[in-house]
N, C-alpha and C. Protein backbone atom coordinates (compact mmCIF):
# COMPACT_ATOMS: atom_id res chain seq x y z
N MET A 1 -1.64 -4.18 -31.10
CA MET A 1 -1.03 -3.05 -31.82
C MET A 1 -1.94 -2.65 -32.98
N ASP A 2 -2.29 -1.36 -33.04
CA ASP A 2 -3.18 -0.93 -34.12
C ASP A 2 -2.43 -0.84 -35.45
N LYS A 3 -3.20 -0.75 -36.54
CA LYS A 3 -2.62 -0.77 -37.88
C LYS A 3 -1.69 0.41 -38.12
N LYS A 4 -2.04 1.59 -37.60
CA LYS A 4 -1.22 2.78 -37.81
C LYS A 4 0.17 2.61 -37.21
N THR A 5 0.21 2.07 -35.98
CA THR A 5 1.49 1.85 -35.32
C THR A 5 2.30 0.78 -36.04
N LEU A 6 1.62 -0.27 -36.49
CA LEU A 6 2.30 -1.34 -37.20
C LEU A 6 2.90 -0.82 -38.51
N ASP A 7 2.13 0.00 -39.23
CA ASP A 7 2.64 0.58 -40.48
C ASP A 7 3.86 1.46 -40.23
N MET A 8 3.81 2.23 -39.14
CA MET A 8 4.93 3.12 -38.81
C MET A 8 6.19 2.31 -38.51
N ARG A 9 6.05 1.23 -37.75
CA ARG A 9 7.21 0.42 -37.39
C ARG A 9 7.80 -0.28 -38.62
N ARG A 10 6.93 -0.74 -39.49
CA ARG A 10 7.42 -1.36 -40.72
C ARG A 10 8.15 -0.34 -41.59
N ARG A 11 7.58 0.86 -41.65
CA ARG A 11 8.21 1.92 -42.45
C ARG A 11 9.57 2.31 -41.86
N GLN A 12 9.64 2.45 -40.55
CA GLN A 12 10.90 2.81 -39.91
C GLN A 12 11.95 1.72 -40.10
N ALA A 13 11.52 0.47 -40.07
CA ALA A 13 12.45 -0.64 -40.31
C ALA A 13 12.98 -0.58 -41.74
N ARG A 14 12.10 -0.24 -42.67
CA ARG A 14 12.55 -0.13 -44.07
C ARG A 14 13.50 1.04 -44.25
N ILE A 15 13.19 2.16 -43.58
CA ILE A 15 14.07 3.33 -43.67
C ILE A 15 15.47 2.98 -43.17
N MET A 16 15.55 2.31 -42.04
CA MET A 16 16.85 1.93 -41.48
C MET A 16 17.59 0.97 -42.41
N ALA A 17 16.84 0.04 -43.03
CA ALA A 17 17.46 -0.91 -43.95
C ALA A 17 17.99 -0.21 -45.19
N GLU A 18 17.21 0.74 -45.72
CA GLU A 18 17.63 1.46 -46.93
C GLU A 18 18.86 2.32 -46.64
N ILE A 19 18.89 2.96 -45.46
CA ILE A 19 20.02 3.82 -45.12
C ILE A 19 21.27 2.99 -44.84
N GLU A 20 21.09 1.82 -44.25
CA GLU A 20 22.24 0.94 -44.03
C GLU A 20 22.82 0.48 -45.36
N ARG A 21 21.95 0.25 -46.33
CA ARG A 21 22.40 -0.17 -47.66
C ARG A 21 23.03 0.98 -48.42
N ASN A 22 22.44 2.18 -48.26
CA ASN A 22 22.93 3.37 -48.97
C ASN A 22 22.84 4.58 -48.04
N PRO A 23 23.93 4.90 -47.32
CA PRO A 23 23.91 6.01 -46.36
C PRO A 23 23.63 7.37 -46.99
N PHE A 24 23.72 7.46 -48.32
CA PHE A 24 23.60 8.75 -49.00
C PHE A 24 22.23 8.96 -49.62
N ILE A 25 21.30 8.07 -49.33
CA ILE A 25 19.95 8.23 -49.84
C ILE A 25 19.29 9.44 -49.18
N THR A 26 18.55 10.22 -49.95
CA THR A 26 17.95 11.45 -49.43
C THR A 26 16.56 11.19 -48.85
N ASP A 27 16.08 12.17 -48.08
CA ASP A 27 14.71 12.07 -47.55
C ASP A 27 13.69 12.00 -48.68
N GLU A 28 13.95 12.75 -49.75
CA GLU A 28 13.04 12.74 -50.90
C GLU A 28 12.95 11.35 -51.52
N GLU A 29 14.10 10.68 -51.65
CA GLU A 29 14.11 9.34 -52.22
C GLU A 29 13.44 8.34 -51.29
N LEU A 30 13.65 8.49 -49.99
CA LEU A 30 12.99 7.61 -49.03
C LEU A 30 11.48 7.80 -49.05
N ALA A 31 11.06 9.06 -49.16
CA ALA A 31 9.62 9.35 -49.21
C ALA A 31 8.98 8.69 -50.42
N SER A 32 9.69 8.72 -51.55
CA SER A 32 9.17 8.09 -52.77
C SER A 32 9.09 6.58 -52.61
N LEU A 33 10.12 5.98 -52.01
CA LEU A 33 10.13 4.53 -51.80
C LEU A 33 9.02 4.07 -50.87
N CYS A 34 8.78 4.86 -49.82
CA CYS A 34 7.79 4.48 -48.80
C CYS A 34 6.40 5.03 -49.09
N ASN A 35 6.30 5.85 -50.15
CA ASN A 35 5.01 6.43 -50.53
C ASN A 35 4.39 7.26 -49.41
N VAL A 36 5.23 8.08 -48.77
CA VAL A 36 4.77 9.00 -47.72
C VAL A 36 5.39 10.36 -47.97
N SER A 37 5.04 11.34 -47.15
CA SER A 37 5.58 12.68 -47.32
C SER A 37 7.00 12.77 -46.74
N ILE A 38 7.73 13.80 -47.19
CA ILE A 38 9.07 14.04 -46.66
C ILE A 38 8.99 14.34 -45.17
N HIS A 39 7.95 15.06 -44.76
CA HIS A 39 7.76 15.37 -43.34
C HIS A 39 7.67 14.09 -42.50
N THR A 40 6.96 13.08 -43.03
CA THR A 40 6.83 11.80 -42.31
C THR A 40 8.19 11.11 -42.19
N ILE A 41 8.97 11.14 -43.27
CA ILE A 41 10.31 10.53 -43.24
C ILE A 41 11.18 11.21 -42.20
N ARG A 42 11.15 12.54 -42.17
CA ARG A 42 11.97 13.27 -41.20
C ARG A 42 11.55 12.97 -39.77
N ALA A 43 10.25 12.84 -39.56
CA ALA A 43 9.76 12.49 -38.22
C ALA A 43 10.22 11.09 -37.83
N ASP A 44 10.18 10.16 -38.78
CA ASP A 44 10.64 8.79 -38.51
C ASP A 44 12.13 8.76 -38.20
N ARG A 45 12.90 9.56 -38.93
CA ARG A 45 14.35 9.61 -38.67
C ARG A 45 14.63 10.11 -37.26
N ARG A 46 13.92 11.15 -36.87
CA ARG A 46 14.14 11.70 -35.52
C ARG A 46 13.79 10.67 -34.45
N LYS A 47 12.71 9.95 -34.65
CA LYS A 47 12.29 8.95 -33.67
C LYS A 47 13.28 7.80 -33.55
N THR A 48 13.94 7.48 -34.66
CA THR A 48 14.89 6.36 -34.65
C THR A 48 16.34 6.81 -34.47
N GLY A 49 16.54 8.13 -34.33
CA GLY A 49 17.88 8.66 -34.07
C GLY A 49 18.81 8.63 -35.27
N ILE A 50 18.25 8.65 -36.48
CA ILE A 50 19.06 8.63 -37.70
C ILE A 50 19.32 10.07 -38.15
N PRO A 51 20.57 10.48 -38.32
CA PRO A 51 20.86 11.85 -38.76
C PRO A 51 20.48 12.07 -40.21
N GLU A 52 20.39 13.33 -40.62
CA GLU A 52 20.06 13.64 -42.01
C GLU A 52 21.22 13.27 -42.91
N VAL A 53 20.95 13.25 -44.22
CA VAL A 53 21.94 12.74 -45.18
C VAL A 53 23.24 13.53 -45.15
N ARG A 54 23.18 14.84 -44.93
CA ARG A 54 24.43 15.62 -44.89
C ARG A 54 25.34 15.16 -43.76
N GLU A 55 24.76 14.88 -42.60
CA GLU A 55 25.56 14.42 -41.48
C GLU A 55 26.09 13.01 -41.72
N ARG A 56 25.27 12.16 -42.34
CA ARG A 56 25.74 10.80 -42.65
C ARG A 56 26.89 10.85 -43.64
N THR A 57 26.78 11.73 -44.63
CA THR A 57 27.84 11.88 -45.62
C THR A 57 29.13 12.36 -44.96
N LYS A 58 29.01 13.33 -44.05
CA LYS A 58 30.18 13.86 -43.36
C LYS A 58 30.86 12.78 -42.52
N ASP A 59 30.06 11.93 -41.88
CA ASP A 59 30.64 10.86 -41.05
C ASP A 59 31.48 9.92 -41.91
N VAL A 60 30.94 9.54 -43.08
CA VAL A 60 31.69 8.66 -43.98
C VAL A 60 32.93 9.37 -44.50
N ALA A 61 32.76 10.64 -44.87
CA ALA A 61 33.88 11.41 -45.42
C ALA A 61 35.01 11.56 -44.42
N ARG A 62 34.66 11.82 -43.16
CA ARG A 62 35.70 11.98 -42.13
C ARG A 62 36.54 10.71 -42.01
N PHE A 63 35.89 9.56 -42.11
CA PHE A 63 36.61 8.29 -42.04
C PHE A 63 37.52 8.11 -43.25
N LEU A 64 36.99 8.44 -44.44
CA LEU A 64 37.74 8.21 -45.67
C LEU A 64 38.88 9.19 -45.86
N PHE A 65 38.77 10.40 -45.29
CA PHE A 65 39.87 11.34 -45.41
C PHE A 65 41.14 10.77 -44.81
N GLY A 66 40.98 9.87 -43.83
CA GLY A 66 42.15 9.24 -43.23
C GLY A 66 42.83 8.27 -44.17
N GLN A 67 42.10 7.80 -45.19
CA GLN A 67 42.67 6.85 -46.15
C GLN A 67 43.29 7.55 -47.35
N ALA A 68 42.84 8.76 -47.64
CA ALA A 68 43.40 9.52 -48.77
C ALA A 68 44.72 10.14 -48.34
N LYS A 69 45.81 9.75 -48.99
CA LYS A 69 47.14 10.17 -48.55
C LYS A 69 47.56 11.53 -49.11
N THR A 70 47.10 11.87 -50.31
CA THR A 70 47.67 13.01 -51.01
C THR A 70 47.02 14.35 -50.65
N LEU A 71 45.77 14.33 -50.19
CA LEU A 71 45.05 15.57 -49.91
C LEU A 71 44.43 15.53 -48.52
N SER A 72 44.31 16.70 -47.91
CA SER A 72 43.61 16.79 -46.63
C SER A 72 42.15 17.14 -46.88
N ALA A 73 41.34 17.13 -45.83
CA ALA A 73 39.90 17.31 -45.98
C ALA A 73 39.53 18.61 -46.69
N HIS A 74 40.19 19.71 -46.32
CA HIS A 74 39.82 21.00 -46.90
C HIS A 74 40.30 21.17 -48.33
N GLU A 75 41.11 20.22 -48.84
CA GLU A 75 41.62 20.31 -50.20
C GLU A 75 40.77 19.52 -51.20
N ILE A 76 39.79 18.81 -50.73
CA ILE A 76 38.94 18.00 -51.60
C ILE A 76 37.60 18.69 -51.80
N THR A 77 37.21 18.86 -53.05
CA THR A 77 35.91 19.46 -53.36
C THR A 77 34.86 18.36 -53.38
N GLY A 78 33.88 18.47 -52.48
CA GLY A 78 32.88 17.43 -52.32
C GLY A 78 33.23 16.53 -51.15
N ASP A 79 32.39 15.54 -50.91
CA ASP A 79 32.60 14.59 -49.81
C ASP A 79 33.01 13.24 -50.37
N LEU A 80 34.09 12.68 -49.84
CA LEU A 80 34.53 11.36 -50.27
C LEU A 80 33.54 10.30 -49.77
N LEU A 81 33.13 9.43 -50.67
CA LEU A 81 32.23 8.34 -50.31
C LEU A 81 32.95 7.00 -50.26
N GLU A 82 33.87 6.81 -51.18
CA GLU A 82 34.66 5.57 -51.21
C GLU A 82 36.06 5.90 -51.70
N VAL A 83 37.04 5.22 -51.13
CA VAL A 83 38.42 5.34 -51.61
C VAL A 83 39.09 3.97 -51.54
N GLU A 84 39.57 3.50 -52.67
CA GLU A 84 40.41 2.31 -52.72
C GLU A 84 41.66 2.73 -53.47
N LEU A 85 42.72 2.98 -52.71
CA LEU A 85 43.92 3.57 -53.29
C LEU A 85 44.44 2.78 -54.50
N ASN A 86 44.81 3.56 -55.52
CA ASN A 86 45.33 3.03 -56.78
C ASN A 86 44.31 2.23 -57.58
N ARG A 87 43.04 2.34 -57.19
CA ARG A 87 42.01 1.64 -57.95
C ARG A 87 40.85 2.57 -58.31
N GLU A 88 40.07 3.00 -57.31
CA GLU A 88 38.89 3.80 -57.63
C GLU A 88 38.40 4.57 -56.41
N GLY A 89 37.46 5.47 -56.66
CA GLY A 89 36.89 6.25 -55.57
C GLY A 89 35.64 6.98 -56.03
N LEU A 90 34.85 7.41 -55.05
CA LEU A 90 33.62 8.16 -55.31
C LEU A 90 33.60 9.41 -54.45
N SER A 91 33.03 10.48 -54.99
CA SER A 91 32.78 11.67 -54.19
C SER A 91 31.43 12.25 -54.55
N LEU A 92 30.86 13.00 -53.63
CA LEU A 92 29.53 13.58 -53.82
C LEU A 92 29.58 15.07 -53.51
N LEU A 93 29.04 15.87 -54.41
CA LEU A 93 29.00 17.32 -54.22
C LEU A 93 27.56 17.80 -54.22
N ASP A 94 27.15 18.43 -53.12
CA ASP A 94 25.84 19.09 -53.06
C ASP A 94 26.03 20.53 -53.51
N THR A 95 25.54 20.86 -54.68
CA THR A 95 25.74 22.20 -55.21
C THR A 95 24.77 23.19 -54.59
N VAL A 96 25.21 24.43 -54.45
CA VAL A 96 24.39 25.49 -53.86
C VAL A 96 24.44 26.72 -54.77
N GLU A 97 23.60 27.69 -54.47
CA GLU A 97 23.49 28.88 -55.32
C GLU A 97 24.80 29.63 -55.47
N GLN A 98 25.60 29.64 -54.40
CA GLN A 98 26.87 30.38 -54.43
C GLN A 98 27.85 29.81 -55.46
N MET A 99 27.63 28.56 -55.89
CA MET A 99 28.51 27.93 -56.89
C MET A 99 28.08 28.25 -58.31
N ALA A 100 26.93 28.87 -58.47
CA ALA A 100 26.33 29.03 -59.79
C ALA A 100 26.46 30.45 -60.33
N ILE A 101 26.32 30.55 -61.65
CA ILE A 101 26.23 31.85 -62.30
C ILE A 101 24.86 32.44 -61.95
N ARG A 102 24.84 33.66 -61.50
CA ARG A 102 23.61 34.25 -60.98
C ARG A 102 22.48 34.28 -62.01
N LYS A 103 22.79 34.64 -63.24
CA LYS A 103 21.75 34.82 -64.26
C LYS A 103 21.12 33.51 -64.72
N SER A 104 21.91 32.43 -64.71
CA SER A 104 21.41 31.17 -65.26
C SER A 104 21.15 30.09 -64.22
N GLY A 105 21.80 30.21 -63.05
CA GLY A 105 21.68 29.16 -62.05
C GLY A 105 22.50 27.93 -62.37
N ILE A 106 23.36 28.02 -63.40
CA ILE A 106 24.21 26.90 -63.79
C ILE A 106 25.51 26.93 -62.99
N VAL A 107 25.88 25.79 -62.43
CA VAL A 107 27.10 25.69 -61.62
C VAL A 107 28.32 25.98 -62.49
N ARG A 108 29.24 26.77 -61.97
CA ARG A 108 30.44 27.15 -62.72
C ARG A 108 31.32 25.93 -63.01
N GLY A 109 31.94 25.96 -64.17
CA GLY A 109 32.74 24.82 -64.61
C GLY A 109 33.91 24.51 -63.70
N HIS A 110 34.52 25.55 -63.12
CA HIS A 110 35.71 25.28 -62.30
C HIS A 110 35.35 24.53 -61.02
N ILE A 111 34.09 24.63 -60.58
CA ILE A 111 33.66 23.87 -59.40
C ILE A 111 33.65 22.37 -59.73
N LEU A 112 33.08 22.03 -60.88
CA LEU A 112 33.01 20.63 -61.29
C LEU A 112 34.41 20.08 -61.58
N PHE A 113 35.24 20.92 -62.22
CA PHE A 113 36.62 20.48 -62.47
C PHE A 113 37.34 20.20 -61.16
N ALA A 114 37.13 21.06 -60.16
CA ALA A 114 37.81 20.88 -58.87
C ALA A 114 37.38 19.57 -58.21
N GLN A 115 36.09 19.22 -58.33
CA GLN A 115 35.64 17.95 -57.77
C GLN A 115 36.33 16.78 -58.46
N ALA A 116 36.37 16.83 -59.79
CA ALA A 116 36.99 15.74 -60.55
C ALA A 116 38.49 15.65 -60.28
N ASN A 117 39.17 16.79 -60.32
CA ASN A 117 40.62 16.80 -60.16
C ASN A 117 41.04 16.36 -58.76
N SER A 118 40.33 16.84 -57.75
CA SER A 118 40.70 16.46 -56.38
C SER A 118 40.44 14.98 -56.12
N LEU A 119 39.38 14.43 -56.71
CA LEU A 119 39.12 13.00 -56.55
C LEU A 119 40.19 12.18 -57.26
N ALA A 120 40.58 12.60 -58.46
CA ALA A 120 41.63 11.89 -59.20
C ALA A 120 42.93 11.85 -58.40
N ASN A 121 43.24 12.93 -57.71
CA ASN A 121 44.45 12.97 -56.88
C ASN A 121 44.29 12.16 -55.60
N ALA A 122 43.08 12.14 -55.05
CA ALA A 122 42.86 11.49 -53.76
C ALA A 122 42.99 9.97 -53.83
N ILE A 123 42.74 9.37 -55.00
CA ILE A 123 42.72 7.91 -55.05
C ILE A 123 44.08 7.29 -55.33
N VAL A 124 45.11 8.11 -55.60
CA VAL A 124 46.43 7.53 -55.87
C VAL A 124 47.22 7.42 -54.57
N ASP A 125 48.04 6.40 -54.50
CA ASP A 125 48.85 6.13 -53.31
C ASP A 125 50.21 6.79 -53.49
N ALA A 126 50.35 8.00 -52.94
CA ALA A 126 51.60 8.75 -53.09
C ALA A 126 51.68 9.78 -51.97
N ASP A 127 52.91 10.20 -51.65
CA ASP A 127 53.08 11.27 -50.67
C ASP A 127 52.67 12.61 -51.26
N LEU A 128 52.91 12.76 -52.56
CA LEU A 128 52.53 13.99 -53.26
C LEU A 128 52.02 13.62 -54.64
N ALA A 129 50.83 14.11 -54.98
CA ALA A 129 50.26 13.87 -56.31
C ALA A 129 50.06 15.20 -57.01
N LEU A 130 50.49 15.27 -58.26
CA LEU A 130 50.36 16.49 -59.05
C LEU A 130 49.69 16.15 -60.38
N THR A 131 48.73 16.98 -60.76
CA THR A 131 48.08 16.79 -62.06
C THR A 131 49.02 17.28 -63.15
N ARG A 132 49.43 16.37 -64.02
CA ARG A 132 50.37 16.72 -65.09
C ARG A 132 49.63 17.23 -66.32
N GLU A 133 48.53 16.57 -66.66
CA GLU A 133 47.71 17.03 -67.78
C GLU A 133 46.32 16.42 -67.66
N CYS A 134 45.39 16.99 -68.40
CA CYS A 134 44.03 16.45 -68.38
C CYS A 134 43.32 16.76 -69.69
N ARG A 135 42.37 15.92 -69.99
CA ARG A 135 41.49 16.10 -71.15
C ARG A 135 40.07 15.97 -70.63
N ILE A 136 39.30 17.05 -70.71
CA ILE A 136 37.98 17.05 -70.08
C ILE A 136 36.89 17.49 -71.05
N LYS A 137 35.67 17.05 -70.75
CA LYS A 137 34.50 17.48 -71.51
C LYS A 137 33.36 17.77 -70.53
N PHE A 138 32.77 18.95 -70.66
CA PHE A 138 31.55 19.26 -69.93
C PHE A 138 30.38 18.86 -70.83
N LEU A 139 29.64 17.84 -70.42
CA LEU A 139 28.65 17.23 -71.30
C LEU A 139 27.24 17.79 -71.13
N ALA A 140 26.94 18.34 -69.96
CA ALA A 140 25.61 18.89 -69.71
C ALA A 140 25.70 19.85 -68.53
N PRO A 141 24.84 20.87 -68.50
CA PRO A 141 24.88 21.83 -67.39
C PRO A 141 24.35 21.22 -66.09
N VAL A 142 24.88 21.72 -64.98
CA VAL A 142 24.42 21.32 -63.65
C VAL A 142 23.75 22.54 -63.02
N ARG A 143 22.54 22.36 -62.53
CA ARG A 143 21.82 23.45 -61.89
C ARG A 143 22.10 23.47 -60.39
N ALA A 144 22.16 24.65 -59.83
CA ALA A 144 22.36 24.78 -58.38
C ALA A 144 21.29 23.99 -57.65
N GLY A 145 21.70 23.22 -56.66
CA GLY A 145 20.78 22.38 -55.91
C GLY A 145 20.87 20.92 -56.30
N GLU A 146 21.46 20.63 -57.47
CA GLU A 146 21.62 19.24 -57.89
C GLU A 146 22.81 18.61 -57.18
N ARG A 147 22.75 17.30 -56.99
CA ARG A 147 23.86 16.55 -56.40
C ARG A 147 24.67 15.93 -57.52
N VAL A 148 25.98 16.05 -57.41
CA VAL A 148 26.87 15.52 -58.45
C VAL A 148 27.71 14.39 -57.86
N LEU A 149 27.56 13.22 -58.45
CA LEU A 149 28.33 12.05 -58.03
C LEU A 149 29.49 11.86 -59.00
N ALA A 150 30.70 11.80 -58.48
CA ALA A 150 31.89 11.59 -59.31
C ALA A 150 32.49 10.22 -59.01
N LYS A 151 32.83 9.50 -60.08
CA LYS A 151 33.50 8.21 -59.93
C LYS A 151 34.82 8.25 -60.67
N ALA A 152 35.89 7.91 -59.97
CA ALA A 152 37.23 7.91 -60.57
C ALA A 152 37.81 6.50 -60.51
N ARG A 153 38.57 6.15 -61.54
CA ARG A 153 39.25 4.85 -61.52
C ARG A 153 40.59 4.98 -62.25
N VAL A 154 41.57 4.30 -61.71
CA VAL A 154 42.89 4.27 -62.33
C VAL A 154 42.83 3.32 -63.52
N THR A 155 43.18 3.83 -64.70
CA THR A 155 43.10 3.02 -65.92
C THR A 155 44.45 2.55 -66.44
N LYS A 156 45.52 3.24 -66.01
CA LYS A 156 46.85 2.87 -66.52
C LYS A 156 47.91 3.37 -65.56
N VAL A 157 48.96 2.58 -65.39
CA VAL A 157 50.09 2.96 -64.55
C VAL A 157 51.36 2.82 -65.38
N LYS A 158 52.15 3.89 -65.41
CA LYS A 158 53.42 3.87 -66.13
C LYS A 158 54.45 4.64 -65.31
N GLY A 159 55.28 3.91 -64.59
CA GLY A 159 56.26 4.55 -63.73
C GLY A 159 55.58 5.37 -62.65
N ARG A 160 55.97 6.64 -62.57
CA ARG A 160 55.38 7.52 -61.57
C ARG A 160 54.04 8.12 -62.03
N ARG A 161 53.63 7.81 -63.23
CA ARG A 161 52.40 8.39 -63.77
C ARG A 161 51.24 7.40 -63.67
N LYS A 162 50.09 7.94 -63.31
CA LYS A 162 48.86 7.15 -63.31
C LYS A 162 47.80 7.88 -64.11
N GLU A 163 47.14 7.14 -64.99
CA GLU A 163 46.03 7.69 -65.75
C GLU A 163 44.74 7.42 -64.96
N VAL A 164 43.96 8.47 -64.75
CA VAL A 164 42.73 8.34 -63.98
C VAL A 164 41.55 8.87 -64.80
N GLU A 165 40.53 8.04 -64.95
CA GLU A 165 39.30 8.46 -65.63
C GLU A 165 38.28 8.90 -64.58
N VAL A 166 37.64 10.03 -64.82
CA VAL A 166 36.61 10.53 -63.91
C VAL A 166 35.33 10.78 -64.70
N ILE A 167 34.24 10.19 -64.24
CA ILE A 167 32.92 10.41 -64.83
C ILE A 167 32.01 10.97 -63.75
N MET A 168 31.29 12.03 -64.07
CA MET A 168 30.42 12.68 -63.09
C MET A 168 29.00 12.73 -63.62
N LYS A 169 28.05 12.51 -62.73
CA LYS A 169 26.65 12.52 -63.16
C LYS A 169 25.76 13.08 -62.06
N THR A 170 24.64 13.63 -62.49
CA THR A 170 23.58 13.98 -61.57
C THR A 170 22.61 12.81 -61.56
N ARG A 171 21.47 13.00 -60.94
CA ARG A 171 20.51 11.91 -60.89
C ARG A 171 20.00 11.54 -62.28
N GLU A 172 20.01 12.51 -63.20
CA GLU A 172 19.38 12.30 -64.49
C GLU A 172 20.35 12.11 -65.65
N LYS A 173 21.60 12.60 -65.53
CA LYS A 173 22.45 12.60 -66.72
C LYS A 173 23.93 12.64 -66.36
N VAL A 174 24.76 12.21 -67.32
CA VAL A 174 26.21 12.36 -67.21
C VAL A 174 26.55 13.80 -67.58
N VAL A 175 27.32 14.48 -66.73
CA VAL A 175 27.59 15.90 -66.94
C VAL A 175 29.05 16.22 -67.23
N PHE A 176 29.93 15.27 -66.94
CA PHE A 176 31.37 15.56 -67.08
C PHE A 176 32.12 14.26 -67.29
N ARG A 177 33.13 14.33 -68.14
CA ARG A 177 34.02 13.19 -68.33
C ARG A 177 35.44 13.73 -68.49
N GLY A 178 36.39 13.12 -67.81
CA GLY A 178 37.76 13.60 -67.90
C GLY A 178 38.78 12.49 -67.74
N GLU A 179 39.94 12.71 -68.33
CA GLU A 179 41.08 11.81 -68.18
C GLU A 179 42.25 12.62 -67.63
N PHE A 180 42.75 12.21 -66.48
CA PHE A 180 43.80 12.95 -65.79
C PHE A 180 45.08 12.12 -65.74
N THR A 181 46.20 12.76 -66.00
CA THR A 181 47.50 12.13 -65.80
C THR A 181 48.06 12.68 -64.49
N ILE A 182 48.22 11.80 -63.51
CA ILE A 182 48.66 12.21 -62.18
C ILE A 182 50.10 11.75 -61.97
N LEU A 183 50.96 12.69 -61.60
CA LEU A 183 52.35 12.38 -61.29
C LEU A 183 52.44 12.06 -59.80
N CYS A 184 52.90 10.86 -59.47
CA CYS A 184 52.92 10.38 -58.09
C CYS A 184 54.36 10.35 -57.57
N LEU A 185 54.62 11.10 -56.51
CA LEU A 185 55.98 11.22 -55.98
C LEU A 185 56.03 10.79 -54.53
N ASP A 186 57.15 10.17 -54.14
CA ASP A 186 57.34 9.90 -52.72
C ASP A 186 57.98 11.13 -52.07
N ALA A 187 58.01 11.13 -50.74
CA ALA A 187 58.46 12.32 -50.01
C ALA A 187 59.90 12.69 -50.34
N ARG A 188 60.76 11.69 -50.44
CA ARG A 188 62.18 11.96 -50.69
C ARG A 188 62.39 12.59 -52.07
N PHE A 189 61.71 12.03 -53.07
CA PHE A 189 61.88 12.55 -54.43
C PHE A 189 61.31 13.96 -54.54
N ALA A 190 60.14 14.20 -53.92
CA ALA A 190 59.54 15.53 -53.95
C ALA A 190 60.42 16.55 -53.26
N SER A 191 61.05 16.14 -52.15
CA SER A 191 61.94 17.04 -51.43
C SER A 191 63.17 17.38 -52.27
N ARG A 192 63.67 16.39 -52.99
CA ARG A 192 64.85 16.61 -53.83
C ARG A 192 64.55 17.60 -54.95
N LEU A 193 63.31 17.57 -55.44
CA LEU A 193 62.91 18.50 -56.49
C LEU A 193 62.50 19.86 -55.94
N LYS A 194 62.42 19.95 -54.60
CA LYS A 194 62.04 21.20 -53.92
C LYS A 194 60.67 21.71 -54.38
N ILE A 195 59.71 20.78 -54.44
CA ILE A 195 58.36 21.17 -54.86
C ILE A 195 57.33 20.94 -53.76
N ASN A 196 57.82 20.68 -52.55
CA ASN A 196 56.88 20.52 -51.44
C ASN A 196 57.55 21.01 -50.17
N LYS A 197 56.73 21.47 -49.23
CA LYS A 197 57.25 21.94 -47.96
C LYS A 197 57.71 20.76 -47.13
N LYS A 198 58.86 20.89 -46.49
CA LYS A 198 59.38 19.79 -45.68
C LYS A 198 58.43 19.43 -44.55
N GLU A 199 57.83 20.47 -43.94
CA GLU A 199 56.95 20.18 -42.81
C GLU A 199 55.70 19.45 -43.25
N SER A 200 55.24 19.69 -44.51
CA SER A 200 54.06 19.00 -45.01
C SER A 200 54.35 17.53 -45.22
N LEU A 201 55.54 17.22 -45.73
CA LEU A 201 55.89 15.84 -45.99
C LEU A 201 56.10 15.05 -44.71
N ALA A 202 56.39 15.75 -43.64
CA ALA A 202 56.63 15.07 -42.38
C ALA A 202 55.35 14.75 -41.65
N GLU A 203 54.22 15.35 -42.08
CA GLU A 203 52.95 15.14 -41.38
C GLU A 203 52.45 13.72 -41.57
């Protein structure tokens, strides 16, 4: 076996190991780790049958949507990466130009709030979760094209209320911090208050 082929096989083995460890690693990050071009990484992925990061993220998200009780897939902003009900969760948002203010390229605040709020609701174990109040801070701007990782954790439980802290960051900085009070209701109680559709609660 010549050196070029040996180097390629070693590189492909490392790529598979890195992706198994972190399914959300990008081609750019793999190229930096392996000290090769992005084109080489993409060629290696195709040869080994590994999908691109967006498809890997979607595969994980589709599985996790089944664990999130309060929201369906189309109601969550970003892709769920981890969910441990009543404890913590992660979501990832790939921002695009359509999310940004045209003149500045800065992602609109309501997009980031939606990612944080939907994740806070997704990690609680309830038939219906409602945001009762929140205290948020936008700490730094996010540019279109940046990836935003959100981490939520339940910090306090008091009756039907759960306090959830959400911290969001890009690769370089923390961009958002929020504290959400989530009201958690079971199907019977929500129906009695007439705040949810009967057919939705039966799903």
